[in-house]
Amino acid sequence: MTDDTDAPAAAAGPGEDPVRGSALFGPQPDVAGAAGYTDAPARVGFFTDTSVCIGCKACEVACKEWNAIPEDGLELTGMSYDNTQGLGASTWRHVAFIEQRKPLGGQEPGVGHEDIDVFAAAGNLGTSPSSPGPGATAPEPGSAPAGAPAGAISPVAPDGRPELRWLMSSDVCKHCTHAGCLDVCPTGSLFRTEFGTVVVQEDICNGCGYCVPACPYGVIDQRRGDGRAWKCTLCYDRLGVGMEPACAKACPTDSIQFGPLDELRERAAARVAQLHAAGVTDARLYGEDPQDGVGGDGAFFLLLDEPEVYGLPPDPVVTTRDLPAMWRHAAAAAASLAAMAVLSFVRRPR
């Protein structure tokens, strides 16, 4: 974290609230009020607890069905069971499958698997008790090494410890407190709702694409053959009638939790403390801190490893943060050029 993000109050300029920061950067406890709403409801969002995600993809299906999102590929990548690869204009929820050569419990940081030849491992299936044949999910009774836990997922290390774990995480638009996509939209297609979420109005999107590079998470995208930008709306139409988003409604394990953002943050902190007490020391929250580079996310996550493992930026910063300083520098440069031009005319021999 840079000094700018650690001390937004010190960076506040003339006319800026030292507590809330500027309109483009810093904490903003009332995003709906800042957007012009009066008597707005409490800000809502998502808390995604990846520790209980089972990778069922019910959220992806529910999202597509409710929002009438077109199919965008059913072929496996060849690297995992993931067939959607990432968020995009036609994938507003994406369940990542990340295989790691680590134990299932008591997460051990720093255990890499770069030296593992997966093709050689696949070729050895069925040749040893620690690598049972195709279709098996656990060693046969009496064939596992001594000390191996009953019903453990294979393969099992010589010391009886399960070596593989799946990290599954349902990713989504973060609905940032300071949303770069919204800041750069020239048509007003992107707007802040009374619930604090960020929505695209595709009927007035002109397809300029400015929002795509403005997102620090790479979420928003333009649809092929269409050109307009699309992303998660946090089911704005459902929120308006008191319903929860389709993905959260469909999640069978409550990995995706919806509700007032302040309540979700408290619940998430308690969950992290519970996991730490159980020995899962790698558990951490991502995107919940109002002091981070986007002022905190409206959709944040409990992760079991570094953000980079999940394809998330470790220190996201709203891309419009430095616009005021850039304009000041541009104005100073223009003034300097104008002054030099005036001096050149004044000193010119007559």
Foldseek 3Di string as FASTA:
>chain_A
DDPCLQQLLVVADPPADSQQHDLQWFADCQLLVVQPDDPFDFAKFKEFEQLQAPQPCLLQVLQCVVVVQDDDFDDDPVPDNFTPPDAEQRGQKGKDKFKAQAFPALTDPPDHDPPDDVVVLLVCACVAQLHHHPPDQHGDPPRAAPPADPSHGGRADNVNTHGMDIRITIDHDQQFSRQQLCVPQPFNQWGQDSNSGIAGNQVRFPLPCPSQVQGLFNRWYADPPRSGIHHDRQPVVQVVVPHGRRSCVRRPRNSIPMDRLVVSVVVLVVVQVVSVVRNLPQWDKAQQDCSAQRRGTSHIYTGSHQVVSVVGDNGGHRPCPCVVVVVVVVVVVVVVVVVVVVVVVVPDDD
